[in-house]
Amino acid sequence: METWRIVATGAFVVSGLVMVLVAMAQVRDRKHSRRTQVWQAGLIGLAVVAVLTAAIAFWLPSAVAWALVAATAAAVLFLTLVD
C-alpha cells in the first residue's frame, strides 16, 4: 500500500469519527429525540465512515481521496468552531 493512502486513510478516519460524534450530538439536542435515535445516527455514521475509509484505502484515485479528506476536515472545523 502506498504511503499517501495510509496517511489519507488515517486523516479521514480521525475526521470521520469526529463527524460521527457531532452528528450524534446534534440528534441528541433535538427536541423529543430518544436514545435509540442517537445510537442509530452513530451506527449509520460509522457505517458510512467505514465504507469511505475502505474506498480511500483501496480504490479511489489520489485526487478524489484527498478531496474527501479535505472536505471532511473542513466540515469538522466549520461545525466545531461555529457557534
C-alpha atoms as a PDB file:
ATOM      1  CA  MET A   1       0.000   0.000   0.000  1.00  0.00           C
ATOM      2  CA  GLU A   2       1.268   3.453  -0.892  1.00  0.00           C
ATOM      3  CA  THR A   3       2.234   5.885   1.839  1.00  0.00           C
ATOM      4  CA  TRP A   4      -0.229   8.547   0.677  1.00  0.00           C
ATOM      5  CA  ARG A   5      -3.095   6.048   1.053  1.00  0.00           C
ATOM      6  CA  ILE A   6      -2.104   5.300   4.642  1.00  0.00           C
ATOM      7  CA  VAL A   7      -1.864   8.998   5.534  1.00  0.00           C
ATOM      8  CA  ALA A   8      -5.130   9.867   3.768  1.00  0.00           C
ATOM      9  CA  THR A   9      -6.938   6.944   5.383  1.00  0.00           C
ATOM     10  CA  GLY A  10      -5.717   7.897   8.853  1.00  0.00           C
ATOM     11  CA  ALA A  11      -6.669  11.533   8.397  1.00  0.00           C
ATOM     12  CA  PHE A  12     -10.116  10.559   7.113  1.00  0.00           C
ATOM     13  CA  VAL A  13     -10.720   8.139   9.999  1.00  0.00           C
ATOM     14  CA  VAL A  14      -9.920  10.810  12.584  1.00  0.00           C
ATOM     15  CA  SER A  15     -12.093  13.476  10.992  1.00  0.00           C
ATOM     16  CA  GLY A  16     -14.823  10.956  10.172  1.00  0.00           C
ATOM     17  CA  LEU A  17     -15.098   9.826  13.784  1.00  0.00           C
ATOM     18  CA  VAL A  18     -15.349  13.436  14.921  1.00  0.00           C
ATOM     19  CA  MET A  19     -18.142  13.955  12.373  1.00  0.00           C
ATOM     20  CA  VAL A  20     -19.986  10.912  13.753  1.00  0.00           C
ATOM     21  CA  LEU A  21     -19.779  12.334  17.262  1.00  0.00           C
ATOM     22  CA  VAL A  22     -21.015  15.729  16.054  1.00  0.00           C
ATOM     23  CA  ALA A  23     -23.935  14.071  14.273  1.00  0.00           C
ATOM     24  CA  MET A  24     -24.826  12.110  17.408  1.00  0.00           C
ATOM     25  CA  ALA A  25     -24.717  15.302  19.482  1.00  0.00           C
ATOM     26  CA  GLN A  26     -26.979  17.093  17.027  1.00  0.00           C
ATOM     27  CA  VAL A  27     -29.507  14.258  17.160  1.00  0.00           C
ATOM     28  CA  ARG A  28     -29.351  14.312  20.955  1.00  0.00           C
ATOM     29  CA  ASP A  29     -30.002  18.070  21.048  1.00  0.00           C
ATOM     30  CA  ARG A  30     -33.214  17.830  19.011  1.00  0.00           C
ATOM     31  CA  LYS A  31     -36.451  18.003  20.956  1.00  0.00           C
ATOM     32  CA  HIS A  32     -38.176  14.687  21.643  1.00  0.00           C
ATOM     33  CA  SER A  33     -35.218  12.595  20.484  1.00  0.00           C
ATOM     34  CA  ARG A  34     -34.779   9.190  22.027  1.00  0.00           C
ATOM     35  CA  ARG A  35     -31.640   7.332  22.969  1.00  0.00           C
ATOM     36  CA  THR A  36     -32.243   4.819  20.177  1.00  0.00           C
ATOM     37  CA  GLN A  37     -32.219   7.623  17.609  1.00  0.00           C
ATOM     38  CA  VAL A  38     -28.822   8.776  18.847  1.00  0.00           C
ATOM     39  CA  TRP A  39     -27.446   5.231  18.603  1.00  0.00           C
ATOM     40  CA  GLN A  40     -28.972   4.813  15.155  1.00  0.00           C
ATOM     41  CA  ALA A  41     -27.308   8.014  13.922  1.00  0.00           C
ATOM     42  CA  GLY A  42     -23.996   6.807  15.330  1.00  0.00           C
ATOM     43  CA  LEU A  43     -24.221   3.398  13.692  1.00  0.00           C
ATOM     44  CA  ILE A  44     -25.203   4.842  10.320  1.00  0.00           C
ATOM     45  CA  GLY A  45     -22.378   7.352  10.549  1.00  0.00           C
ATOM     46  CA  LEU A  46     -19.860   4.644  11.433  1.00  0.00           C
ATOM     47  CA  ALA A  47     -21.028   2.522   8.506  1.00  0.00           C
ATOM     48  CA  VAL A  48     -20.579   5.434   6.094  1.00  0.00           C
ATOM     49  CA  VAL A  49     -17.134   6.210   7.520  1.00  0.00           C
ATOM     50  CA  ALA A  50     -16.137   2.536   7.224  1.00  0.00           C
ATOM     51  CA  VAL A  51     -17.197   2.305   3.576  1.00  0.00           C
ATOM     52  CA  LEU A  52     -15.455   5.546   2.637  1.00  0.00           C
ATOM     53  CA  THR A  53     -12.346   4.517   4.564  1.00  0.00           C
ATOM     54  CA  ALA A  54     -12.156   1.256   2.616  1.00  0.00           C
ATOM     55  CA  ALA A  55     -12.668   3.157  -0.630  1.00  0.00           C
ATOM     56  CA  ILE A  56      -9.845   5.574   0.196  1.00  0.00           C
ATOM     57  CA  ALA A  57      -7.553   2.759   1.291  1.00  0.00           C
ATOM     58  CA  PHE A  58      -8.041   0.558  -1.775  1.00  0.00           C
ATOM     59  CA  TRP A  59      -9.891   2.027  -4.770  1.00  0.00           C
ATOM     60  CA  LEU A  60     -10.136   5.788  -5.070  1.00  0.00           C
ATOM     61  CA  PRO A  61      -7.579   7.785  -7.028  1.00  0.00           C
ATOM     62  CA  SER A  62      -5.434  10.235  -5.089  1.00  0.00           C
ATOM     63  CA  ALA A  63      -7.272  13.403  -6.154  1.00  0.00           C
ATOM     64  CA  VAL A  64     -10.654  12.050  -5.048  1.00  0.00           C
ATOM     65  CA  ALA A  65      -9.271  10.604  -1.812  1.00  0.00           C
ATOM     66  CA  TRP A  66      -7.594  13.861  -0.802  1.00  0.00           C
ATOM     67  CA  ALA A  67     -10.701  15.817  -1.780  1.00  0.00           C
ATOM     68  CA  LEU A  68     -12.754  13.672   0.616  1.00  0.00           C
ATOM     69  CA  VAL A  69     -10.194  14.178   3.370  1.00  0.00           C
ATOM     70  CA  ALA A  70     -10.139  17.942   2.814  1.00  0.00           C
ATOM     71  CA  ALA A  71     -13.939  18.204   2.693  1.00  0.00           C
ATOM     72  CA  THR A  72     -14.333  16.207   5.892  1.00  0.00           C
ATOM     73  CA  ALA A  73     -11.665  18.227   7.692  1.00  0.00           C
ATOM     74  CA  ALA A  74     -13.289  21.470   6.552  1.00  0.00           C
ATOM     75  CA  ALA A  75     -16.693  20.258   7.764  1.00  0.00           C
ATOM     76  CA  VAL A  76     -15.226  19.322  11.147  1.00  0.00           C
ATOM     77  CA  LEU A  77     -13.617  22.755  11.504  1.00  0.00           C
ATOM     78  CA  PHE A  78     -16.803  24.506  10.442  1.00  0.00           C
ATOM     79  CA  LEU A  79     -19.134  22.512  12.694  1.00  0.00           C
ATOM     80  CA  THR A  80     -16.928  22.623  15.780  1.00  0.00           C
ATOM     81  CA  LEU A  81     -15.793  26.248  15.599  1.00  0.00           C
ATOM     82  CA  VAL A  82     -19.020  27.984  14.572  1.00  0.00           C
ATOM     83  CA  ASP A  83     -21.336  28.864  17.448  1.00  0.00           C
END
